[in-house]
């Protein structure tokens, strides 16, 4: 088995679909920056790796996980907002973008999709309440995504909030240190109680 084949085998058995230069350094156990750069260059040149953007790669012929890519395109981010809310049926509208919370707002478009990052204050991002580590990326619980959305946009129209956990909503609403978010969450909880009768 060739050296490059062994290196690629380590990547394919990792369950990751997107790799930073730092990831490749760790997987391949290469400390020397020049050796690492040359190894990556050869892997790209031979078509084993595809360069997504500077310092970010994927294996050729392996389907990319878009949520993982969203997390790698922007550090200090997690999947949230409409992406999570649409998955669980809180909103029914389909979006062709992946929404994430981050320390800076941005829209990144590439051949893998559109990735929208909405800015939240660092103190909110630092509070991991309602954020789940999926191994290769972080994603908000429906309750966290709901509160993130209310924090950014106010209480807009939601199709179905009845499945949201009331206690989790109350707990998460407090991390924003924002009276409007707490008030809006209380209103949604109250409305859900009336709807369930």
N, C-alpha and C. Protein backbone atom coordinates (compact mmCIF):
# COMPACT_ATOMS: atom_id res chain seq x y z
N UNK A 1 0.86 -1.18 0.00
CA UNK A 1 0.00 0.00 0.00
C UNK A 1 0.90 1.24 0.00
N UNK A 2 0.65 2.14 -0.93
CA UNK A 2 1.49 3.34 -1.04
C UNK A 2 1.24 4.29 0.12
N UNK A 3 2.18 5.18 0.32
CA UNK A 3 2.12 6.16 1.41
C UNK A 3 0.88 7.05 1.28
N UNK A 4 0.60 7.52 0.06
CA UNK A 4 -0.56 8.41 -0.14
C UNK A 4 -1.87 7.63 0.08
N UNK A 5 -1.90 6.35 -0.31
CA UNK A 5 -3.09 5.52 -0.09
C UNK A 5 -3.37 5.38 1.40
N UNK A 6 -2.32 5.17 2.19
CA UNK A 6 -2.47 5.07 3.65
C UNK A 6 -3.03 6.38 4.22
N UNK A 7 -2.51 7.48 3.71
CA UNK A 7 -2.96 8.79 4.18
C UNK A 7 -4.45 9.01 3.85
N UNK A 8 -4.84 8.65 2.64
CA UNK A 8 -6.23 8.81 2.21
C UNK A 8 -7.16 7.89 2.99
N UNK A 9 -6.68 6.69 3.30
CA UNK A 9 -7.46 5.74 4.08
C UNK A 9 -7.79 6.30 5.46
N UNK A 10 -6.83 7.01 6.05
CA UNK A 10 -7.07 7.65 7.35
C UNK A 10 -8.20 8.67 7.25
N UNK A 11 -8.23 9.39 6.13
CA UNK A 11 -9.28 10.41 5.94
C UNK A 11 -10.65 9.77 5.71
N UNK A 12 -10.70 8.75 4.86
CA UNK A 12 -11.99 8.13 4.54
C UNK A 12 -12.59 7.41 5.74
N UNK A 13 -11.76 6.93 6.63
CA UNK A 13 -12.28 6.22 7.80
C UNK A 13 -12.64 7.17 8.95
N UNK A 14 -12.47 8.46 8.74
CA UNK A 14 -12.67 9.44 9.81
C UNK A 14 -14.12 9.92 9.96
N UNK A 15 -14.97 9.67 8.99
CA UNK A 15 -16.36 10.15 8.95
C UNK A 15 -16.46 11.65 8.68
N UNK A 16 -15.34 12.32 8.50
CA UNK A 16 -15.37 13.72 8.11
C UNK A 16 -15.47 13.81 6.59
N UNK A 17 -16.05 14.89 6.10
CA UNK A 17 -16.10 15.09 4.65
C UNK A 17 -15.36 16.36 4.24
N UNK A 18 -15.01 17.18 5.21
CA UNK A 18 -14.31 18.44 4.96
C UNK A 18 -13.11 18.51 5.91
N UNK A 19 -11.97 18.94 5.38
CA UNK A 19 -10.74 18.95 6.17
C UNK A 19 -10.02 20.29 6.04
N UNK A 20 -9.64 20.85 7.17
CA UNK A 20 -8.78 22.03 7.14
C UNK A 20 -7.34 21.55 7.02
N UNK A 21 -6.43 22.47 6.73
CA UNK A 21 -5.01 22.13 6.69
C UNK A 21 -4.59 21.56 8.04
N UNK A 22 -5.11 22.13 9.12
CA UNK A 22 -4.80 21.62 10.46
C UNK A 22 -5.29 20.20 10.67
N UNK A 23 -6.49 19.88 10.15
CA UNK A 23 -7.01 18.51 10.23
C UNK A 23 -6.06 17.54 9.53
N UNK A 24 -5.64 17.91 8.32
CA UNK A 24 -4.75 17.04 7.54
C UNK A 24 -3.42 16.84 8.27
N UNK A 25 -2.92 17.89 8.88
CA UNK A 25 -1.66 17.78 9.65
C UNK A 25 -1.81 16.75 10.76
N UNK A 26 -2.94 16.79 11.47
CA UNK A 26 -3.17 15.85 12.57
C UNK A 26 -3.39 14.42 12.07
N UNK A 27 -4.23 14.26 11.04
CA UNK A 27 -4.50 12.92 10.51
C UNK A 27 -3.24 12.26 9.96
N UNK A 28 -2.44 13.05 9.29
CA UNK A 28 -1.25 12.50 8.65
C UNK A 28 0.00 12.57 9.54
N UNK A 29 -0.14 13.19 10.69
CA UNK A 29 0.97 13.31 11.65
C UNK A 29 2.21 13.94 10.99
N UNK A 30 1.99 15.07 10.33
CA UNK A 30 3.08 15.79 9.67
C UNK A 30 3.28 17.12 10.38
N UNK A 31 4.42 17.28 11.00
CA UNK A 31 4.72 18.52 11.74
C UNK A 31 5.33 19.60 10.84
N UNK A 32 6.15 19.19 9.89
CA UNK A 32 6.85 20.13 9.02
C UNK A 32 5.87 20.77 8.04
N UNK A 33 5.76 22.09 8.09
CA UNK A 33 4.80 22.81 7.24
C UNK A 33 5.07 22.61 5.76
N UNK A 34 6.34 22.60 5.36
CA UNK A 34 6.68 22.43 3.95
C UNK A 34 6.31 21.04 3.45
N UNK A 35 6.56 20.03 4.27
CA UNK A 35 6.21 18.65 3.90
C UNK A 35 4.68 18.53 3.79
N UNK A 36 3.97 19.14 4.73
CA UNK A 36 2.51 19.11 4.70
C UNK A 36 1.99 19.79 3.43
N UNK A 37 2.52 20.95 3.13
CA UNK A 37 2.10 21.71 1.95
C UNK A 37 2.33 20.89 0.68
N UNK A 38 3.48 20.25 0.58
CA UNK A 38 3.81 19.43 -0.59
C UNK A 38 2.88 18.22 -0.69
N UNK A 39 2.61 17.58 0.43
CA UNK A 39 1.73 16.40 0.45
C UNK A 39 0.32 16.78 0.01
N UNK A 40 -0.18 17.89 0.51
CA UNK A 40 -1.52 18.36 0.12
C UNK A 40 -1.53 18.70 -1.37
N UNK A 41 -0.51 19.41 -1.83
CA UNK A 41 -0.42 19.80 -3.24
C UNK A 41 -0.47 18.57 -4.13
N UNK A 42 0.29 17.54 -3.78
CA UNK A 42 0.31 16.30 -4.59
C UNK A 42 -1.04 15.59 -4.56
N UNK A 43 -1.68 15.57 -3.41
CA UNK A 43 -2.99 14.92 -3.30
C UNK A 43 -4.04 15.64 -4.15
N UNK A 44 -3.95 16.97 -4.20
CA UNK A 44 -4.86 17.76 -5.04
C UNK A 44 -4.52 17.54 -6.51
N UNK A 45 -3.24 17.58 -6.83
CA UNK A 45 -2.77 17.41 -8.21
C UNK A 45 -3.19 16.06 -8.78
N UNK A 46 -3.16 15.02 -7.95
CA UNK A 46 -3.53 13.67 -8.41
C UNK A 46 -5.04 13.44 -8.36
N UNK A 47 -5.78 14.41 -7.85
CA UNK A 47 -7.24 14.30 -7.83
C UNK A 47 -7.81 13.57 -6.63
N UNK A 48 -7.01 13.30 -5.63
CA UNK A 48 -7.51 12.63 -4.42
C UNK A 48 -8.24 13.62 -3.51
N UNK A 49 -7.72 14.83 -3.45
CA UNK A 49 -8.35 15.90 -2.66
C UNK A 49 -8.82 17.00 -3.60
N UNK A 50 -9.89 17.68 -3.22
CA UNK A 50 -10.40 18.83 -3.97
C UNK A 50 -10.27 20.04 -3.06
N UNK A 51 -9.72 21.12 -3.60
CA UNK A 51 -9.55 22.36 -2.85
C UNK A 51 -10.87 23.13 -2.90
N UNK A 52 -11.51 23.30 -1.75
CA UNK A 52 -12.77 24.04 -1.66
C UNK A 52 -12.48 25.53 -1.66
N UNK A 53 -11.54 25.93 -0.84
CA UNK A 53 -11.01 27.29 -0.77
C UNK A 53 -9.70 27.19 0.00
N UNK A 54 -8.99 28.27 0.10
CA UNK A 54 -7.67 28.23 0.73
C UNK A 54 -7.74 27.59 2.12
N UNK A 55 -6.98 26.53 2.30
CA UNK A 55 -6.91 25.85 3.59
C UNK A 55 -8.06 24.92 3.90
N UNK A 56 -8.91 24.63 2.90
CA UNK A 56 -10.08 23.77 3.12
C UNK A 56 -10.21 22.79 1.96
N UNK A 57 -10.35 21.50 2.29
CA UNK A 57 -10.33 20.45 1.27
C UNK A 57 -11.42 19.42 1.54
N UNK A 58 -11.72 18.67 0.49
CA UNK A 58 -12.62 17.53 0.63
C UNK A 58 -12.04 16.38 -0.18
N UNK A 59 -12.46 15.17 0.16
CA UNK A 59 -12.05 14.00 -0.61
C UNK A 59 -12.83 13.98 -1.92
N UNK A 60 -12.15 13.66 -3.00
CA UNK A 60 -12.82 13.52 -4.29
C UNK A 60 -13.75 12.31 -4.21
N UNK A 61 -14.89 12.40 -4.85
CA UNK A 61 -15.87 11.32 -4.95
C UNK A 61 -16.52 10.96 -3.61
N UNK A 62 -16.42 11.81 -2.62
CA UNK A 62 -17.12 11.61 -1.36
C UNK A 62 -18.11 12.76 -1.21
N UNK A 63 -19.40 12.40 -1.00
CA UNK A 63 -20.43 13.45 -0.86
C UNK A 63 -20.13 14.30 0.37
N UNK A 64 -20.18 15.58 0.15
CA UNK A 64 -19.86 16.53 1.22
C UNK A 64 -21.07 16.72 2.14
N UNK A 65 -20.82 16.83 3.43
CA UNK A 65 -21.87 17.15 4.39
C UNK A 65 -21.94 18.68 4.46
N UNK A 66 -23.06 19.23 3.99
CA UNK A 66 -23.19 20.70 3.91
C UNK A 66 -23.14 21.37 5.27
N UNK A 67 -23.66 20.72 6.30
CA UNK A 67 -23.61 21.30 7.64
C UNK A 67 -22.17 21.34 8.14
N UNK A 68 -21.43 20.29 7.86
CA UNK A 68 -20.02 20.26 8.24
C UNK A 68 -19.26 21.36 7.50
N UNK A 69 -19.55 21.52 6.21
CA UNK A 69 -18.90 22.57 5.43
C UNK A 69 -19.23 23.94 6.00
N UNK A 70 -20.48 24.16 6.37
CA UNK A 70 -20.89 25.45 6.95
C UNK A 70 -20.05 25.76 8.19
N UNK A 71 -19.82 24.76 9.01
CA UNK A 71 -19.01 24.95 10.22
C UNK A 71 -17.55 25.20 9.94
N UNK A 72 -17.05 24.64 8.84
CA UNK A 72 -15.63 24.82 8.49
C UNK A 72 -15.39 26.14 7.75
N UNK A 73 -16.39 26.59 6.99
CA UNK A 73 -16.22 27.85 6.26
C UNK A 73 -16.08 29.03 7.21
N UNK A 74 -16.71 28.93 8.36
CA UNK A 74 -16.67 30.02 9.34
C UNK A 74 -16.52 29.42 10.73
N UNK A 75 -15.40 29.69 11.34
CA UNK A 75 -15.18 29.22 12.71
C UNK A 75 -16.15 29.93 13.64
N UNK A 76 -16.30 29.39 14.84
CA UNK A 76 -17.21 29.98 15.85
C UNK A 76 -18.63 30.12 15.31
N UNK A 77 -19.11 29.08 14.64
CA UNK A 77 -20.47 29.13 14.11
C UNK A 77 -21.19 27.82 14.44
N UNK A 78 -22.51 27.89 14.37
CA UNK A 78 -23.33 26.68 14.52
C UNK A 78 -24.58 26.85 13.67
N UNK A 79 -25.11 25.74 13.16
CA UNK A 79 -26.30 25.75 12.33
C UNK A 79 -27.49 26.19 13.20
N UNK A 80 -28.31 27.11 12.68
CA UNK A 80 -29.42 27.62 13.48
C UNK A 80 -30.48 28.24 12.57
N UNK A 81 -31.28 29.11 13.15
CA UNK A 81 -32.28 29.91 12.45
C UNK A 81 -33.20 29.05 11.56
N UNK A 82 -33.47 29.52 10.35
CA UNK A 82 -34.43 28.88 9.46
C UNK A 82 -34.07 27.44 9.11
N UNK A 83 -32.78 27.13 9.05
CA UNK A 83 -32.37 25.77 8.69
C UNK A 83 -32.90 24.76 9.70
N UNK A 84 -32.71 25.03 10.97
CA UNK A 84 -33.19 24.12 12.02
C UNK A 84 -34.71 24.18 12.11
N UNK A 85 -35.27 25.38 12.06
CA UNK A 85 -36.72 25.54 12.22
C UNK A 85 -37.50 24.85 11.09
N UNK A 86 -36.96 24.88 9.88
CA UNK A 86 -37.61 24.19 8.75
C UNK A 86 -37.51 22.67 8.91
N UNK A 87 -36.39 22.20 9.42
CA UNK A 87 -36.20 20.75 9.62
C UNK A 87 -37.24 20.16 10.56
N UNK A 88 -37.62 20.91 11.58
CA UNK A 88 -38.53 20.38 12.60
C UNK A 88 -39.98 20.84 12.40
N UNK A 89 -40.25 21.60 11.35
CA UNK A 89 -41.62 21.98 11.03
C UNK A 89 -42.15 23.21 11.75
N UNK A 90 -41.27 23.98 12.38
CA UNK A 90 -41.72 25.23 13.01
C UNK A 90 -42.06 26.24 11.92
N UNK A 91 -41.30 26.20 10.83
CA UNK A 91 -41.64 26.98 9.64
C UNK A 91 -41.71 25.99 8.47
N UNK A 92 -42.60 26.26 7.54
CA UNK A 92 -42.79 25.34 6.41
C UNK A 92 -42.05 25.80 5.16
N UNK A 93 -41.64 27.05 5.12
CA UNK A 93 -40.99 27.57 3.93
C UNK A 93 -39.61 26.95 3.76
N UNK A 94 -39.28 26.60 2.52
CA UNK A 94 -37.99 26.01 2.20
C UNK A 94 -37.03 27.13 1.80
N UNK A 95 -35.80 27.04 2.26
CA UNK A 95 -34.76 28.02 1.93
C UNK A 95 -33.62 27.29 1.24
N UNK A 96 -33.04 27.94 0.23
CA UNK A 96 -31.92 27.31 -0.47
C UNK A 96 -30.57 27.74 0.12
N UNK A 97 -30.60 28.17 1.37
CA UNK A 97 -29.38 28.57 2.07
C UNK A 97 -29.30 27.80 3.38
N UNK A 98 -28.10 27.64 3.88
CA UNK A 98 -27.92 27.08 5.22
C UNK A 98 -27.62 28.26 6.13
N UNK A 99 -28.43 28.41 7.17
CA UNK A 99 -28.29 29.53 8.10
C UNK A 99 -27.50 29.09 9.33
N UNK A 100 -26.56 29.93 9.71
CA UNK A 100 -25.76 29.67 10.91
C UNK A 100 -25.64 30.94 11.73
N UNK A 101 -25.41 30.75 13.02
CA UNK A 101 -25.08 31.86 13.91
C UNK A 101 -23.56 31.94 13.97
N UNK A 102 -23.03 33.17 14.00
CA UNK A 102 -21.59 33.35 14.00
C UNK A 102 -21.23 34.68 14.64
N UNK A 103 -19.94 34.92 14.81
CA UNK A 103 -19.50 36.19 15.38
C UNK A 103 -19.42 37.30 14.33
N UNK A 104 -19.62 36.95 13.07
CA UNK A 104 -19.65 37.93 11.98
C UNK A 104 -20.69 37.51 10.95
N UNK A 105 -21.39 38.48 10.41
CA UNK A 105 -22.35 38.19 9.36
C UNK A 105 -21.64 38.00 8.03
N UNK A 106 -22.16 37.10 7.19
CA UNK A 106 -21.57 36.88 5.87
C UNK A 106 -22.50 36.01 5.04
N UNK A 107 -22.33 36.10 3.73
CA UNK A 107 -22.97 35.17 2.81
C UNK A 107 -21.87 34.60 1.94
N UNK A 108 -21.69 33.30 2.01
CA UNK A 108 -20.66 32.63 1.21
C UNK A 108 -21.38 31.74 0.21
N UNK A 109 -21.08 31.96 -1.07
CA UNK A 109 -21.66 31.14 -2.14
C UNK A 109 -20.53 30.37 -2.80
N UNK A 110 -20.76 29.10 -3.02
CA UNK A 110 -19.82 28.28 -3.78
C UNK A 110 -20.60 27.17 -4.47
N UNK A 111 -19.93 26.27 -5.13
CA UNK A 111 -20.66 25.24 -5.87
C UNK A 111 -21.38 24.25 -4.96
N UNK A 112 -21.12 24.32 -3.67
CA UNK A 112 -21.76 23.41 -2.72
C UNK A 112 -23.03 24.01 -2.12
N UNK A 113 -23.25 25.30 -2.34
CA UNK A 113 -24.46 25.94 -1.84
C UNK A 113 -24.24 27.36 -1.37
N UNK A 114 -25.28 27.88 -0.70
CA UNK A 114 -25.21 29.22 -0.11
C UNK A 114 -25.20 29.06 1.40
N UNK A 115 -24.30 29.77 2.04
CA UNK A 115 -24.12 29.66 3.48
C UNK A 115 -24.22 31.06 4.08
N UNK A 116 -25.32 31.29 4.82
CA UNK A 116 -25.55 32.61 5.41
C UNK A 116 -25.23 32.55 6.90
N UNK A 117 -24.39 33.49 7.33
CA UNK A 117 -23.99 33.58 8.74
C UNK A 117 -24.58 34.86 9.31
N UNK A 118 -25.35 34.70 10.39
CA UNK A 118 -25.97 35.85 11.04
C UNK A 118 -25.23 36.13 12.33
N UNK A 119 -24.91 37.39 12.52
CA UNK A 119 -24.08 37.78 13.66
C UNK A 119 -24.86 37.77 14.97
N UNK A 120 -24.25 37.13 15.96
CA UNK A 120 -24.73 37.19 17.33
C UNK A 120 -23.58 37.68 18.20
N UNK A 121 -23.87 38.39 19.28
CA UNK A 121 -22.79 38.83 20.17
C UNK A 121 -21.99 37.64 20.72
N UNK A 122 -20.72 37.86 20.95
CA UNK A 122 -19.84 36.79 21.42
C UNK A 122 -20.31 36.17 22.72
N UNK A 123 -20.89 36.98 23.60
CA UNK A 123 -21.36 36.44 24.89
C UNK A 123 -22.49 35.43 24.68
N UNK A 124 -23.31 35.63 23.65
CA UNK A 124 -24.38 34.68 23.35
C UNK A 124 -23.80 33.43 22.70
N UNK A 125 -22.88 33.62 21.77
CA UNK A 125 -22.24 32.47 21.12
C UNK A 125 -21.49 31.60 22.12
N UNK A 126 -20.93 32.24 23.14
CA UNK A 126 -20.14 31.50 24.14
C UNK A 126 -21.02 30.63 25.03
N UNK A 127 -22.30 30.96 25.14
CA UNK A 127 -23.21 30.15 25.95
C UNK A 127 -23.69 28.97 25.10
N UNK A 128 -23.29 27.77 25.47
CA UNK A 128 -23.57 26.58 24.66
C UNK A 128 -24.92 25.93 24.98
N UNK A 129 -25.74 26.60 25.77
CA UNK A 129 -27.07 26.07 26.09
C UNK A 129 -27.87 25.88 24.80
N UNK A 130 -28.34 24.67 24.57
CA UNK A 130 -29.15 24.41 23.38
C UNK A 130 -28.35 24.25 22.10
N UNK A 131 -27.06 24.01 22.22
CA UNK A 131 -26.23 23.75 21.03
C UNK A 131 -25.68 22.33 21.16
N UNK A 132 -25.87 21.54 20.12
CA UNK A 132 -25.50 20.13 20.14
C UNK A 132 -24.26 19.90 19.28
N UNK A 133 -23.30 19.17 19.83
CA UNK A 133 -22.09 18.79 19.09
C UNK A 133 -22.38 17.51 18.32
N UNK A 134 -22.40 17.61 17.00
CA UNK A 134 -22.66 16.44 16.15
C UNK A 134 -21.36 15.77 15.69
N UNK A 135 -20.26 16.11 16.32
CA UNK A 135 -18.98 15.52 15.96
C UNK A 135 -18.22 16.36 14.96
N UNK A 136 -18.81 16.60 13.80
CA UNK A 136 -18.15 17.37 12.75
C UNK A 136 -18.70 18.78 12.61
N UNK A 137 -19.76 19.09 13.35
CA UNK A 137 -20.34 20.43 13.33
C UNK A 137 -21.22 20.60 14.56
N UNK A 138 -21.62 21.83 14.81
CA UNK A 138 -22.52 22.15 15.92
C UNK A 138 -23.85 22.63 15.35
N UNK A 139 -24.94 22.26 16.02
CA UNK A 139 -26.26 22.65 15.55
C UNK A 139 -27.14 23.02 16.75
N UNK A 140 -27.96 24.02 16.55
CA UNK A 140 -28.88 24.46 17.61
C UNK A 140 -30.03 23.47 17.75
N UNK A 141 -30.52 23.33 18.97
CA UNK A 141 -31.77 22.61 19.18
C UNK A 141 -32.88 23.49 18.58
N UNK A 142 -34.06 22.93 18.33
CA UNK A 142 -35.15 23.77 17.82
C UNK A 142 -35.44 24.97 18.72
N UNK A 143 -35.34 24.77 20.03
CA UNK A 143 -35.61 25.86 20.97
C UNK A 143 -34.55 26.96 20.87
N UNK A 144 -33.30 26.57 20.73
CA UNK A 144 -32.23 27.57 20.59
C UNK A 144 -32.37 28.31 19.27
N UNK A 145 -32.65 27.58 18.19
CA UNK A 145 -32.82 28.22 16.88
C UNK A 145 -34.00 29.20 16.91
N UNK A 146 -35.07 28.81 17.59
CA UNK A 146 -36.25 29.67 17.72
C UNK A 146 -35.88 30.96 18.46
N UNK A 147 -35.18 30.83 19.57
CA UNK A 147 -34.78 32.01 20.35
C UNK A 147 -33.77 32.87 19.58
N UNK A 148 -32.84 32.24 18.85
CA UNK A 148 -31.91 32.99 18.00
C UNK A 148 -32.68 33.84 17.00
N UNK A 149 -33.68 33.21 16.38
CA UNK A 149 -34.49 33.91 15.37
C UNK A 149 -35.25 35.08 15.99
N UNK A 150 -35.85 34.86 17.15
CA UNK A 150 -36.57 35.94 17.83
C UNK A 150 -35.61 37.06 18.21
N UNK A 151 -34.44 36.71 18.69
CA UNK A 151 -33.45 37.73 19.08
C UNK A 151 -33.09 38.61 17.88
N UNK A 152 -32.89 38.00 16.72
CA UNK A 152 -32.48 38.76 15.53
C UNK A 152 -33.64 39.48 14.85
N UNK A 153 -34.81 38.84 14.77
CA UNK A 153 -35.88 39.36 13.92
C UNK A 153 -37.17 39.71 14.65
N UNK A 154 -37.22 39.47 15.93
CA UNK A 154 -38.47 39.70 16.65
C UNK A 154 -39.43 38.55 16.43
N UNK A 155 -40.59 38.68 16.98
CA UNK A 155 -41.59 37.61 16.89
C UNK A 155 -42.29 37.71 15.54
N UNK A 156 -41.80 36.94 14.59
CA UNK A 156 -42.41 36.93 13.26
C UNK A 156 -43.35 35.73 13.17
N UNK A 157 -43.79 35.41 11.97
CA UNK A 157 -44.76 34.32 11.82
C UNK A 157 -44.04 32.97 11.86
N UNK A 158 -44.58 32.07 12.67
CA UNK A 158 -44.09 30.69 12.72
C UNK A 158 -45.29 29.78 12.46
N UNK A 159 -45.08 28.73 11.69
CA UNK A 159 -46.19 27.85 11.30
C UNK A 159 -46.68 26.96 12.43
N UNK A 160 -45.76 26.35 13.19
CA UNK A 160 -46.17 25.41 14.23
C UNK A 160 -45.13 25.38 15.36
N UNK A 161 -45.48 25.98 16.47
CA UNK A 161 -44.55 26.03 17.61
C UNK A 161 -44.95 25.06 18.72
N UNK A 162 -45.96 24.26 18.48
CA UNK A 162 -46.51 23.40 19.55
C UNK A 162 -45.54 22.32 20.02
N UNK A 163 -44.61 21.91 19.18
CA UNK A 163 -43.67 20.84 19.57
C UNK A 163 -42.44 21.37 20.31
N UNK A 164 -42.30 22.67 20.41
CA UNK A 164 -41.15 23.24 21.13
C UNK A 164 -41.32 23.01 22.62
N UNK A 165 -40.24 22.65 23.28
CA UNK A 165 -40.26 22.38 24.72
C UNK A 165 -40.34 23.70 25.49
N UNK A 166 -41.40 23.86 26.25
CA UNK A 166 -41.66 25.13 26.96
C UNK A 166 -40.56 25.46 27.96
N UNK A 167 -40.15 24.46 28.73
CA UNK A 167 -39.12 24.72 29.76
C UNK A 167 -37.79 25.09 29.12
N UNK A 168 -37.45 24.43 28.02
CA UNK A 168 -36.21 24.76 27.30
C UNK A 168 -36.27 26.17 26.74
N UNK A 169 -37.42 26.54 26.18
CA UNK A 169 -37.60 27.90 25.65
C UNK A 169 -37.37 28.94 26.75
N UNK A 170 -37.97 28.71 27.91
CA UNK A 170 -37.80 29.65 29.03
C UNK A 170 -36.34 29.78 29.42
N UNK A 171 -35.68 28.63 29.56
CA UNK A 171 -34.28 28.61 29.98
C UNK A 171 -33.38 29.32 28.96
N UNK A 172 -33.55 28.97 27.68
CA UNK A 172 -32.69 29.53 26.63
C UNK A 172 -32.96 31.02 26.43
N UNK A 173 -34.22 31.45 26.57
CA UNK A 173 -34.55 32.86 26.34
C UNK A 173 -33.76 33.80 27.26
N UNK A 174 -33.34 33.30 28.40
CA UNK A 174 -32.63 34.14 29.38
C UNK A 174 -31.17 34.41 29.01
N UNK A 175 -30.58 33.60 28.13
CA UNK A 175 -29.16 33.79 27.82
C UNK A 175 -28.89 35.06 27.00
N UNK A 176 -29.93 35.60 26.38
CA UNK A 176 -29.76 36.77 25.51
C UNK A 176 -29.70 38.07 26.30
N UNK A 177 -30.10 38.00 27.57
CA UNK A 177 -30.14 39.20 28.42
C UNK A 177 -30.94 40.30 27.72
N UNK A 178 -32.12 39.90 27.22
CA UNK A 178 -32.94 40.78 26.40
C UNK A 178 -34.41 40.60 26.81
N UNK A 179 -35.01 41.63 27.35
CA UNK A 179 -36.39 41.54 27.85
C UNK A 179 -37.38 41.18 26.75
N UNK A 180 -37.15 41.70 25.55
CA UNK A 180 -38.07 41.42 24.44
C UNK A 180 -38.09 39.93 24.11
N UNK A 181 -36.93 39.28 24.09
CA UNK A 181 -36.87 37.85 23.79
C UNK A 181 -37.65 37.06 24.83
N UNK A 182 -37.42 37.37 26.11
CA UNK A 182 -38.12 36.68 27.20
C UNK A 182 -39.63 36.88 27.07
N UNK A 183 -40.04 38.12 26.79
CA UNK A 183 -41.47 38.45 26.64
C UNK A 183 -42.08 37.71 25.45
N UNK A 184 -41.38 37.70 24.31
CA UNK A 184 -41.89 37.02 23.12
C UNK A 184 -42.02 35.52 23.34
N UNK A 185 -41.05 34.93 24.03
CA UNK A 185 -41.11 33.49 24.32
C UNK A 185 -42.29 33.19 25.22
N UNK A 186 -42.52 34.03 26.23
CA UNK A 186 -43.68 33.83 27.12
C UNK A 186 -44.99 33.90 26.33
N UNK A 187 -45.06 34.81 25.37
CA UNK A 187 -46.26 34.95 24.54
C UNK A 187 -46.49 33.67 23.72
N UNK A 188 -45.44 33.14 23.13
CA UNK A 188 -45.56 31.92 22.33
C UNK A 188 -46.01 30.75 23.20
N UNK A 189 -45.44 30.64 24.39
CA UNK A 189 -45.82 29.57 25.32
C UNK A 189 -47.30 29.70 25.70
N UNK A 190 -47.72 30.93 25.99
CA UNK A 190 -49.12 31.18 26.36
C UNK A 190 -50.05 30.84 25.19
N UNK A 191 -49.68 31.26 23.99
CA UNK A 191 -50.50 30.97 22.80
C UNK A 191 -50.59 29.46 22.56
N UNK A 192 -49.50 28.74 22.79
CA UNK A 192 -49.50 27.28 22.60
C UNK A 192 -50.43 26.60 23.59
N UNK A 193 -50.50 27.12 24.80
CA UNK A 193 -51.40 26.55 25.81
C UNK A 193 -52.86 26.69 25.36
N UNK A 194 -53.18 27.87 24.80
CA UNK A 194 -54.56 28.11 24.32
C UNK A 194 -54.87 27.22 23.12
N UNK A 195 -53.88 27.06 22.22
CA UNK A 195 -54.09 26.25 21.02
C UNK A 195 -54.29 24.78 21.35
N UNK A 196 -53.67 24.31 22.44
CA UNK A 196 -53.74 22.88 22.77
C UNK A 196 -55.02 22.51 23.51
N UNK A 197 -55.82 23.52 23.87
CA UNK A 197 -57.08 23.24 24.60
C UNK A 197 -58.18 22.86 23.63
